[in-house]
PDB file of all heavy atoms in Angstrom:
ATOM      1  N   GLN A   1      -7.174  -7.780  -2.515  1.00  0.00           N
ATOM      2  CA  GLN A   1      -7.697  -6.888  -3.554  1.00  0.00           C
ATOM      3  C   GLN A   1      -6.543  -6.099  -4.290  1.00  0.00           C
ATOM      4  O   GLN A   1      -6.812  -5.154  -4.975  1.00  0.00           O
ATOM      5  CB  GLN A   1      -8.606  -5.909  -2.883  1.00  0.00           C
ATOM      6  CG  GLN A   1      -9.898  -6.575  -2.390  1.00  0.00           C
ATOM      7  CD  GLN A   1     -10.806  -5.600  -1.703  1.00  0.00           C
ATOM      8  OE1 GLN A   1     -10.431  -4.999  -0.721  1.00  0.00           O
ATOM      9  NE2 GLN A   1     -11.989  -5.516  -2.234  1.00  0.00           N
ATOM     10  N   LEU A   2      -5.288  -6.533  -4.013  1.00  0.00           N
ATOM     11  CA  LEU A   2      -4.113  -5.866  -4.679  1.00  0.00           C
ATOM     12  C   LEU A   2      -3.418  -6.781  -5.578  1.00  0.00           C
ATOM     13  O   LEU A   2      -3.298  -7.975  -5.314  1.00  0.00           O
ATOM     14  CB  LEU A   2      -3.185  -5.343  -3.578  1.00  0.00           C
ATOM     15  CG  LEU A   2      -3.680  -4.364  -2.579  1.00  0.00           C
ATOM     16  CD1 LEU A   2      -2.648  -4.114  -1.516  1.00  0.00           C
ATOM     17  CD2 LEU A   2      -4.096  -3.058  -3.246  1.00  0.00           C
ATOM     18  N   SER A   3      -2.855  -6.295  -6.672  1.00  0.00           N
ATOM     19  CA  SER A   3      -1.928  -7.072  -7.516  1.00  0.00           C
ATOM     20  C   SER A   3      -0.821  -6.178  -7.891  1.00  0.00           C
ATOM     21  O   SER A   3      -0.977  -4.941  -7.982  1.00  0.00           O
ATOM     22  CB  SER A   3      -2.630  -7.618  -8.721  1.00  0.00           C
ATOM     23  OG  SER A   3      -3.047  -6.630  -9.647  1.00  0.00           O
ATOM     24  N   PHE A   4       0.408  -6.786  -7.990  1.00  0.00           N
ATOM     25  CA  PHE A   4       1.616  -6.016  -8.257  1.00  0.00           C
ATOM     26  C   PHE A   4       2.217  -6.504  -9.566  1.00  0.00           C
ATOM     27  O   PHE A   4       2.578  -7.708  -9.684  1.00  0.00           O
ATOM     28  CB  PHE A   4       2.584  -6.179  -7.089  1.00  0.00           C
ATOM     29  CG  PHE A   4       2.041  -5.660  -5.772  1.00  0.00           C
ATOM     30  CD1 PHE A   4       1.259  -6.448  -4.947  1.00  0.00           C
ATOM     31  CD2 PHE A   4       2.258  -4.353  -5.426  1.00  0.00           C
ATOM     32  CE1 PHE A   4       0.711  -5.898  -3.783  1.00  0.00           C
ATOM     33  CE2 PHE A   4       1.697  -3.832  -4.241  1.00  0.00           C
ATOM     34  CZ  PHE A   4       0.954  -4.573  -3.404  1.00  0.00           C
ATOM     35  N   GLU A   5       2.360  -5.620 -10.533  1.00  0.00           N
ATOM     36  CA  GLU A   5       2.838  -6.019 -11.877  1.00  0.00           C
ATOM     37  C   GLU A   5       3.847  -5.039 -12.400  1.00  0.00           C
ATOM     38  O   GLU A   5       4.025  -3.952 -11.890  1.00  0.00           O
ATOM     39  CB  GLU A   5       1.639  -6.076 -12.837  1.00  0.00           C
ATOM     40  CG  GLU A   5       0.496  -6.892 -12.428  1.00  0.00           C
ATOM     41  CD  GLU A   5      -0.743  -6.793 -13.256  1.00  0.00           C
ATOM     42  OE1 GLU A   5      -0.785  -5.829 -14.081  1.00  0.00           O
ATOM     43  OE2 GLU A   5      -1.709  -7.515 -13.041  1.00  0.00           O
ATOM     44  N   ASP A   6       4.533  -5.401 -13.498  1.00  0.00           N
ATOM     45  CA  ASP A   6       5.367  -4.488 -14.236  1.00  0.00           C
ATOM     46  C   ASP A   6       4.457  -3.849 -15.249  1.00  0.00           C
ATOM     47  O   ASP A   6       3.269  -4.165 -15.343  1.00  0.00           O
ATOM     48  CB  ASP A   6       6.533  -5.183 -14.850  1.00  0.00           C
ATOM     49  CG  ASP A   6       6.233  -6.241 -15.900  1.00  0.00           C
ATOM     50  OD1 ASP A   6       5.079  -6.335 -16.311  1.00  0.00           O
ATOM     51  OD2 ASP A   6       7.178  -7.006 -16.270  1.00  0.00           O
ATOM     52  N   THR A   7       4.978  -2.947 -16.007  1.00  0.00           N
ATOM     53  CA  THR A   7       4.130  -2.171 -17.005  1.00  0.00           C
ATOM     54  C   THR A   7       3.656  -3.083 -18.174  1.00  0.00           C
ATOM     55  O   THR A   7       2.744  -2.734 -18.876  1.00  0.00           O
ATOM     56  CB  THR A   7       4.892  -0.977 -17.558  1.00  0.00           C
ATOM     57  OG1 THR A   7       6.151  -1.422 -18.102  1.00  0.00           O
ATOM     58  CG2 THR A   7       5.085   0.046 -16.480  1.00  0.00           C
ATOM     59  N   SER A   8       4.200  -4.250 -18.301  1.00  0.00           N
ATOM     60  CA  SER A   8       3.785  -5.216 -19.291  1.00  0.00           C
ATOM     61  C   SER A   8       2.670  -6.141 -18.786  1.00  0.00           C
ATOM     62  O   SER A   8       2.203  -7.029 -19.587  1.00  0.00           O
ATOM     63  CB  SER A   8       4.953  -6.085 -19.823  1.00  0.00           C
ATOM     64  OG  SER A   8       5.937  -5.188 -20.374  1.00  0.00           O
ATOM     65  N   GLY A   9       2.294  -6.053 -17.530  1.00  0.00           N
ATOM     66  CA  GLY A   9       1.304  -6.909 -16.993  1.00  0.00           C
ATOM     67  C   GLY A   9       1.784  -8.184 -16.335  1.00  0.00           C
ATOM     68  O   GLY A   9       0.993  -9.031 -15.899  1.00  0.00           O
ATOM     69  N   ASN A  10       3.142  -8.333 -16.220  1.00  0.00           N
ATOM     70  CA  ASN A  10       3.658  -9.516 -15.576  1.00  0.00           C
ATOM     71  C   ASN A  10       3.789  -9.305 -14.070  1.00  0.00           C
ATOM     72  O   ASN A  10       4.164  -8.230 -13.599  1.00  0.00           O
ATOM     73  CB  ASN A  10       5.110  -9.854 -16.129  1.00  0.00           C
ATOM     74  CG  ASN A  10       5.006 -10.064 -17.650  1.00  0.00           C
ATOM     75  OD1 ASN A  10       4.169 -10.712 -18.131  1.00  0.00           O
ATOM     76  ND2 ASN A  10       5.920  -9.394 -18.304  1.00  0.00           N
ATOM     77  N   THR A  11       3.424 -10.359 -13.311  1.00  0.00           N
ATOM     78  CA  THR A  11       3.544 -10.288 -11.813  1.00  0.00           C
ATOM     79  C   THR A  11       5.052 -10.118 -11.487  1.00  0.00           C
ATOM     80  O   THR A  11       5.886 -10.849 -11.939  1.00  0.00           O
ATOM     81  CB  THR A  11       2.977 -11.492 -11.178  1.00  0.00           C
ATOM     82  OG1 THR A  11       1.571 -11.584 -11.534  1.00  0.00           O
ATOM     83  CG2 THR A  11       3.071 -11.417  -9.669  1.00  0.00           C
ATOM     84  N   ILE A  12       5.357  -9.194 -10.573  1.00  0.00           N
ATOM     85  CA  ILE A  12       6.704  -9.051 -10.094  1.00  0.00           C
ATOM     86  C   ILE A  12       6.689  -8.978  -8.545  1.00  0.00           C
ATOM     87  O   ILE A  12       5.622  -8.700  -7.919  1.00  0.00           O
ATOM     88  CB  ILE A  12       7.342  -7.743 -10.652  1.00  0.00           C
ATOM     89  CG1 ILE A  12       6.511  -6.465 -10.317  1.00  0.00           C
ATOM     90  CG2 ILE A  12       7.567  -7.838 -12.144  1.00  0.00           C
ATOM     91  CD1 ILE A  12       7.164  -5.167 -10.740  1.00  0.00           C
ATOM     92  N   THR A  13       7.867  -9.174  -7.913  1.00  0.00           N
ATOM     93  CA  THR A  13       7.979  -9.149  -6.474  1.00  0.00           C
ATOM     94  C   THR A  13       8.853  -8.055  -5.978  1.00  0.00           C
ATOM     95  O   THR A  13       9.033  -7.881  -4.764  1.00  0.00           O
ATOM     96  CB  THR A  13       8.533 -10.506  -5.986  1.00  0.00           C
ATOM     97  OG1 THR A  13       9.802 -10.742  -6.579  1.00  0.00           O
ATOM     98  CG2 THR A  13       7.576 -11.641  -6.329  1.00  0.00           C
ATOM     99  N   SER A  14       9.596  -7.333  -6.862  1.00  0.00           N
ATOM    100  CA  SER A  14      10.411  -6.216  -6.436  1.00  0.00           C
ATOM    101  C   SER A  14      10.506  -5.200  -7.602  1.00  0.00           C
ATOM    102  O   SER A  14      10.324  -5.508  -8.692  1.00  0.00           O
ATOM    103  CB  SER A  14      11.745  -6.659  -6.048  1.00  0.00           C
ATOM    104  OG  SER A  14      12.463  -7.254  -7.177  1.00  0.00           O
ATOM    105  N   LEU A  15      10.818  -3.954  -7.218  1.00  0.00           N
ATOM    106  CA  LEU A  15      11.039  -2.910  -8.116  1.00  0.00           C
ATOM    107  C   LEU A  15      12.508  -2.493  -8.068  1.00  0.00           C
ATOM    108  O   LEU A  15      13.013  -2.073  -7.029  1.00  0.00           O
ATOM    109  CB  LEU A  15      10.230  -1.642  -7.742  1.00  0.00           C
ATOM    110  CG  LEU A  15       8.810  -1.582  -8.202  1.00  0.00           C
ATOM    111  CD1 LEU A  15       8.183  -0.253  -7.800  1.00  0.00           C
ATOM    112  CD2 LEU A  15       8.742  -1.733  -9.722  1.00  0.00           C
ATOM    113  N   GLN A  16      13.192  -2.588  -9.164  1.00  0.00           N
ATOM    114  CA  GLN A  16      14.596  -2.178  -9.280  1.00  0.00           C
ATOM    115  C   GLN A  16      14.632  -0.591  -9.254  1.00  0.00           C
ATOM    116  O   GLN A  16      13.651   0.040  -9.559  1.00  0.00           O
ATOM    117  CB  GLN A  16      15.235  -2.720 -10.547  1.00  0.00           C
ATOM    118  CG  GLN A  16      15.195  -4.239 -10.714  1.00  0.00           C
ATOM    119  CD  GLN A  16      16.069  -4.885  -9.649  1.00  0.00           C
ATOM    120  OE1 GLN A  16      17.139  -4.397  -9.280  1.00  0.00           O
ATOM    121  NE2 GLN A  16      15.545  -5.973  -9.124  1.00  0.00           N
ATOM    122  N   PRO A  17      15.747  -0.039  -8.920  1.00  0.00           N
ATOM    123  CA  PRO A  17      15.853   1.404  -8.994  1.00  0.00           C
ATOM    124  C   PRO A  17      15.463   1.947 -10.400  1.00  0.00           C
ATOM    125  O   PRO A  17      15.894   1.367 -11.388  1.00  0.00           O
ATOM    126  CB  PRO A  17      17.378   1.665  -8.729  1.00  0.00           C
ATOM    127  CG  PRO A  17      17.789   0.551  -7.873  1.00  0.00           C
ATOM    128  CD  PRO A  17      16.976  -0.659  -8.415  1.00  0.00           C
ATOM    129  N   TYR A  18      14.626   2.953 -10.383  1.00  0.00           N
ATOM    130  CA  TYR A  18      14.130   3.671 -11.611  1.00  0.00           C
ATOM    131  C   TYR A  18      13.099   2.878 -12.427  1.00  0.00           C
ATOM    132  O   TYR A  18      12.701   3.270 -13.467  1.00  0.00           O
ATOM    133  CB  TYR A  18      15.296   4.222 -12.409  1.00  0.00           C
ATOM    134  CG  TYR A  18      16.283   4.982 -11.602  1.00  0.00           C
ATOM    135  CD1 TYR A  18      17.537   4.465 -11.336  1.00  0.00           C
ATOM    136  CD2 TYR A  18      15.909   6.149 -10.958  1.00  0.00           C
ATOM    137  CE1 TYR A  18      18.412   5.135 -10.596  1.00  0.00           C
ATOM    138  CE2 TYR A  18      16.799   6.823 -10.145  1.00  0.00           C
ATOM    139  CZ  TYR A  18      18.055   6.286  -9.981  1.00  0.00           C
ATOM    140  OH  TYR A  18      18.947   7.031  -9.120  1.00  0.00           O
ATOM    141  N   GLN A  19      12.699   1.710 -11.936  1.00  0.00           N
ATOM    142  CA  GLN A  19      11.721   0.835 -12.570  1.00  0.00           C
ATOM    143  C   GLN A  19      10.336   1.355 -12.182  1.00  0.00           C
ATOM    144  O   GLN A  19      10.095   1.804 -11.040  1.00  0.00           O
ATOM    145  CB  GLN A  19      11.891  -0.615 -12.205  1.00  0.00           C
ATOM    146  CG  GLN A  19      10.932  -1.523 -12.864  1.00  0.00           C
ATOM    147  CD  GLN A  19      11.124  -3.011 -12.501  1.00  0.00           C
ATOM    148  OE1 GLN A  19      11.871  -3.294 -11.573  1.00  0.00           O
ATOM    149  NE2 GLN A  19      10.391  -3.929 -13.152  1.00  0.00           N
ATOM    150  N   VAL A  20       9.432   1.214 -13.137  1.00  0.00           N
ATOM    151  CA  VAL A  20       8.011   1.546 -12.837  1.00  0.00           C
ATOM    152  C   VAL A  20       7.156   0.265 -12.634  1.00  0.00           C
ATOM    153  O   VAL A  20       7.320  -0.641 -13.417  1.00  0.00           O
ATOM    154  CB  VAL A  20       7.363   2.388 -14.008  1.00  0.00           C
ATOM    155  CG1 VAL A  20       5.891   2.625 -13.778  1.00  0.00           C
ATOM    156  CG2 VAL A  20       8.081   3.751 -14.164  1.00  0.00           C
ATOM    157  N   GLY A  21       6.437   0.225 -11.618  1.00  0.00           N
ATOM    158  CA  GLY A  21       5.567  -0.876 -11.323  1.00  0.00           C
ATOM    159  C   GLY A  21       4.103  -0.454 -11.266  1.00  0.00           C
ATOM    160  O   GLY A  21       3.810   0.790 -11.225  1.00  0.00           O
ATOM    161  N   VAL A  22       3.190  -1.419 -11.257  1.00  0.00           N
ATOM    162  CA  VAL A  22       1.805  -1.139 -11.294  1.00  0.00           C
ATOM    163  C   VAL A  22       1.125  -1.796 -10.105  1.00  0.00           C
ATOM    164  O   VAL A  22       1.337  -2.955  -9.880  1.00  0.00           O
ATOM    165  CB  VAL A  22       1.147  -1.655 -12.612  1.00  0.00           C
ATOM    166  CG1 VAL A  22      -0.374  -1.431 -12.551  1.00  0.00           C
ATOM    167  CG2 VAL A  22       1.791  -1.017 -13.788  1.00  0.00           C
ATOM    168  N   ILE A  23       0.369  -1.011  -9.353  1.00  0.00           N
ATOM    169  CA  ILE A  23      -0.492  -1.557  -8.321  1.00  0.00           C
ATOM    170  C   ILE A  23      -1.943  -1.508  -8.788  1.00  0.00           C
ATOM    171  O   ILE A  23      -2.368  -0.412  -9.070  1.00  0.00           O
ATOM    172  CB  ILE A  23      -0.329  -0.851  -7.006  1.00  0.00           C
ATOM    173  CG1 ILE A  23       1.073  -0.890  -6.414  1.00  0.00           C
ATOM    174  CG2 ILE A  23      -1.315  -1.357  -5.938  1.00  0.00           C
ATOM    175  CD1 ILE A  23       1.315  -0.145  -5.145  1.00  0.00           C
ATOM    176  N   LYS A  24      -2.546  -2.667  -8.921  1.00  0.00           N
ATOM    177  CA  LYS A  24      -3.966  -2.698  -9.270  1.00  0.00           C
ATOM    178  C   LYS A  24      -4.786  -2.924  -8.041  1.00  0.00           C
ATOM    179  O   LYS A  24      -4.569  -3.929  -7.356  1.00  0.00           O
ATOM    180  CB  LYS A  24      -4.223  -3.724 -10.350  1.00  0.00           C
ATOM    181  CG  LYS A  24      -3.540  -3.400 -11.683  1.00  0.00           C
ATOM    182  CD  LYS A  24      -4.058  -4.205 -12.801  1.00  0.00           C
ATOM    183  CE  LYS A  24      -3.394  -3.681 -14.091  1.00  0.00           C
ATOM    184  NZ  LYS A  24      -3.961  -4.337 -15.283  1.00  0.00           N
ATOM    185  N   VAL A  25      -5.696  -2.018  -7.784  1.00  0.00           N
ATOM    186  CA  VAL A  25      -6.592  -2.069  -6.635  1.00  0.00           C
ATOM    187  C   VAL A  25      -7.987  -2.443  -7.139  1.00  0.00           C
ATOM    188  O   VAL A  25      -8.572  -1.760  -7.934  1.00  0.00           O
ATOM    189  CB  VAL A  25      -6.655  -0.749  -5.865  1.00  0.00           C
ATOM    190  CG1 VAL A  25      -7.588  -0.759  -4.750  1.00  0.00           C
ATOM    191  CG2 VAL A  25      -5.241  -0.328  -5.476  1.00  0.00           C
ATOM    192  N   THR A  26      -8.526  -3.569  -6.672  1.00  0.00           N
ATOM    193  CA  THR A  26      -9.817  -4.078  -7.105  1.00  0.00           C
ATOM    194  C   THR A  26     -10.799  -3.781  -5.971  1.00  0.00           C
ATOM    195  O   THR A  26     -10.608  -4.315  -4.854  1.00  0.00           O
ATOM    196  CB  THR A  26      -9.769  -5.561  -7.447  1.00  0.00           C
ATOM    197  OG1 THR A  26      -8.744  -5.750  -8.467  1.00  0.00           O
ATOM    198  CG2 THR A  26     -11.055  -6.071  -7.924  1.00  0.00           C
ATOM    199  N   LEU A  27     -11.842  -3.025  -6.333  1.00  0.00           N
ATOM    200  CA  LEU A  27     -12.927  -2.742  -5.330  1.00  0.00           C
ATOM    201  C   LEU A  27     -14.226  -3.321  -5.831  1.00  0.00           C
ATOM    202  O   LEU A  27     -14.512  -3.263  -7.061  1.00  0.00           O
ATOM    203  CB  LEU A  27     -12.958  -1.204  -5.179  1.00  0.00           C
ATOM    204  CG  LEU A  27     -11.741  -0.486  -4.702  1.00  0.00           C
ATOM    205  CD1 LEU A  27     -11.944   1.024  -4.673  1.00  0.00           C
ATOM    206  CD2 LEU A  27     -11.334  -0.947  -3.361  1.00  0.00           C
ATOM    207  N   ASP A  28     -15.066  -3.701  -4.954  1.00  0.00           N
ATOM    208  CA  ASP A  28     -16.359  -4.265  -5.272  1.00  0.00           C
ATOM    209  C   ASP A  28     -17.349  -3.169  -5.808  1.00  0.00           C
ATOM    210  O   ASP A  28     -18.128  -3.391  -6.692  1.00  0.00           O
ATOM    211  CB  ASP A  28     -17.028  -4.949  -4.070  1.00  0.00           C
ATOM    212  CG  ASP A  28     -16.249  -6.229  -3.672  1.00  0.00           C
ATOM    213  OD1 ASP A  28     -15.724  -6.832  -4.573  1.00  0.00           O
ATOM    214  OD2 ASP A  28     -16.264  -6.586  -2.514  1.00  0.00           O
ATOM    215  N   THR A  29     -17.211  -2.002  -5.200  1.00  0.00           N
ATOM    216  CA  THR A  29     -18.067  -0.866  -5.621  1.00  0.00           C
ATOM    217  C   THR A  29     -17.191   0.207  -6.154  1.00  0.00           C
ATOM    218  O   THR A  29     -16.002   0.461  -5.746  1.00  0.00           O
ATOM    219  CB  THR A  29     -18.879  -0.244  -4.500  1.00  0.00           C
ATOM    220  OG1 THR A  29     -18.020   0.144  -3.412  1.00  0.00           O
ATOM    221  CG2 THR A  29     -19.820  -1.326  -3.939  1.00  0.00           C
ATOM    222  N   ALA A  30     -17.666   0.964  -7.182  1.00  0.00           N
ATOM    223  CA  ALA A  30     -16.907   2.034  -7.806  1.00  0.00           C
ATOM    224  C   ALA A  30     -16.728   3.177  -6.904  1.00  0.00           C
ATOM    225  O   ALA A  30     -17.608   3.498  -6.024  1.00  0.00           O
ATOM    226  CB  ALA A  30     -17.631   2.453  -9.104  1.00  0.00           C
ATOM    227  N   LEU A  31     -15.591   3.866  -6.965  1.00  0.00           N
ATOM    228  CA  LEU A  31     -15.446   5.179  -6.334  1.00  0.00           C
ATOM    229  C   LEU A  31     -16.355   6.164  -6.957  1.00  0.00           C
ATOM    230  O   LEU A  31     -16.596   6.091  -8.164  1.00  0.00           O
ATOM    231  CB  LEU A  31     -13.973   5.612  -6.418  1.00  0.00           C
ATOM    232  CG  LEU A  31     -12.946   4.662  -5.719  1.00  0.00           C
ATOM    233  CD1 LEU A  31     -11.516   5.198  -6.072  1.00  0.00           C
ATOM    234  CD2 LEU A  31     -13.161   4.591  -4.285  1.00  0.00           C
ATOM    235  N   THR A  32     -16.899   7.043  -6.188  1.00  0.00           N
ATOM    236  CA  THR A  32     -17.854   8.104  -6.772  1.00  0.00           C
ATOM    237  C   THR A  32     -17.190   8.970  -7.718  1.00  0.00           C
ATOM    238  O   THR A  32     -16.197   9.623  -7.466  1.00  0.00           O
ATOM    239  CB  THR A  32     -18.417   8.910  -5.607  1.00  0.00           C
ATOM    240  OG1 THR A  32     -19.030   8.032  -4.623  1.00  0.00           O
ATOM    241  CG2 THR A  32     -19.552   9.920  -6.133  1.00  0.00           C
ATOM    242  N   SER A  33     -17.699   8.981  -8.943  1.00  0.00           N
ATOM    243  CA  SER A  33     -17.107   9.746 -10.056  1.00  0.00           C
ATOM    244  C   SER A  33     -17.040  11.291  -9.682  1.00  0.00           C
ATOM    245  O   SER A  33     -18.078  11.788  -9.247  1.00  0.00           O
ATOM    246  CB  SER A  33     -17.934   9.547 -11.371  1.00  0.00           C
ATOM    247  OG  SER A  33     -17.293  10.280 -12.405  1.00  0.00           O
ATOM    248  N   GLY A  34     -15.862  11.877  -9.966  1.00  0.00           N
ATOM    249  CA  GLY A  34     -15.746  13.288  -9.709  1.00  0.00           C
ATOM    250  C   GLY A  34     -15.336  13.660  -8.292  1.00  0.00           C
ATOM    251  O   GLY A  34     -14.963  14.797  -7.974  1.00  0.00           O
ATOM    252  N   GLN A  35     -15.431  12.713  -7.357  1.00  0.00           N
ATOM    253  CA  GLN A  35     -15.072  12.966  -5.975  1.00  0.00           C
ATOM    254  C   GLN A  35     -13.574  12.745  -5.808  1.00  0.00           C
ATOM    255  O   GLN A  35     -12.947  11.905  -6.459  1.00  0.00           O
ATOM    256  CB  GLN A  35     -15.801  12.018  -5.038  1.00  0.00           C
ATOM    257  CG  GLN A  35     -15.563  12.320  -3.558  1.00  0.00           C
ATOM    258  CD  GLN A  35     -16.495  11.506  -2.700  1.00  0.00           C
ATOM    259  OE1 GLN A  35     -17.566  11.070  -3.123  1.00  0.00           O
ATOM    260  NE2 GLN A  35     -16.049  11.226  -1.485  1.00  0.00           N
ATOM    261  N   THR A  36     -12.937  13.487  -4.920  1.00  0.00           N
ATOM    262  CA  THR A  36     -11.498  13.309  -4.666  1.00  0.00           C
ATOM    263  C   THR A  36     -11.299  12.291  -3.568  1.00  0.00           C
ATOM    264  O   THR A  36     -12.019  12.243  -2.602  1.00  0.00           O
ATOM    265  CB  THR A  36     -10.864  14.656  -4.272  1.00  0.00           C
ATOM    266  OG1 THR A  36     -11.409  15.156  -3.068  1.00  0.00           O
ATOM    267  CG2 THR A  36     -10.912  15.628  -5.452  1.00  0.00           C
ATOM    268  N   TYR A  37     -10.207  11.524  -3.727  1.00  0.00           N
ATOM    269  CA  TYR A  37      -9.777  10.487  -2.805  1.00  0.00           C
ATOM    270  C   TYR A  37      -8.277  10.616  -2.621  1.00  0.00           C
ATOM    271  O   TYR A  37      -7.603  11.263  -3.429  1.00  0.00           O
ATOM    272  CB  TYR A  37     -10.116   9.083  -3.392  1.00  0.00           C
ATOM    273  CG  TYR A  37     -11.613   8.774  -3.440  1.00  0.00           C
ATOM    274  CD1 TYR A  37     -12.260   9.117  -4.659  1.00  0.00           C
ATOM    275  CD2 TYR A  37     -12.274   8.256  -2.398  1.00  0.00           C
ATOM    276  CE1 TYR A  37     -13.615   8.849  -4.736  1.00  0.00           C
ATOM    277  CE2 TYR A  37     -13.649   7.968  -2.514  1.00  0.00           C
ATOM    278  CZ  TYR A  37     -14.339   8.298  -3.679  1.00  0.00           C
ATOM    279  OH  TYR A  37     -15.646   8.019  -3.766  1.00  0.00           O
ATOM    280  N   THR A  38      -7.846  10.004  -1.516  1.00  0.00           N
ATOM    281  CA  THR A  38      -6.412   9.960  -1.296  1.00  0.00           C
ATOM    282  C   THR A  38      -5.921   8.577  -1.215  1.00  0.00           C
ATOM    283  O   THR A  38      -6.475   7.746  -0.445  1.00  0.00           O
ATOM    284  CB  THR A  38      -6.001  10.689   0.044  1.00  0.00           C
ATOM    285  OG1 THR A  38      -6.499  12.035  -0.025  1.00  0.00           O
ATOM    286  CG2 THR A  38      -4.536  10.691   0.266  1.00  0.00           C
ATOM    287  N   ILE A  39      -4.977   8.207  -2.071  1.00  0.00           N
ATOM    288  CA  ILE A  39      -4.290   6.898  -1.933  1.00  0.00           C
ATOM    289  C   ILE A  39      -2.958   7.071  -1.238  1.00  0.00           C
ATOM    290  O   ILE A  39      -2.232   8.038  -1.546  1.00  0.00           O
ATOM    291  CB  ILE A  39      -4.126   6.181  -3.300  1.00  0.00           C
ATOM    292  CG1 ILE A  39      -3.568   4.758  -3.072  1.00  0.00           C
ATOM    293  CG2 ILE A  39      -3.276   7.019  -4.287  1.00  0.00           C
ATOM    294  CD1 ILE A  39      -3.532   3.899  -4.290  1.00  0.00           C
TER     295      ILE A  39
END
């Protein structure tokens, strides 16, 4: 349920120093709107 990408949407396998990466978490059900969660 995880995907790892750069900010352009390309799949990457490592983050260089000072680089920003994206973790996309796919869930079957939505998190409850307005409720706090901890990642």
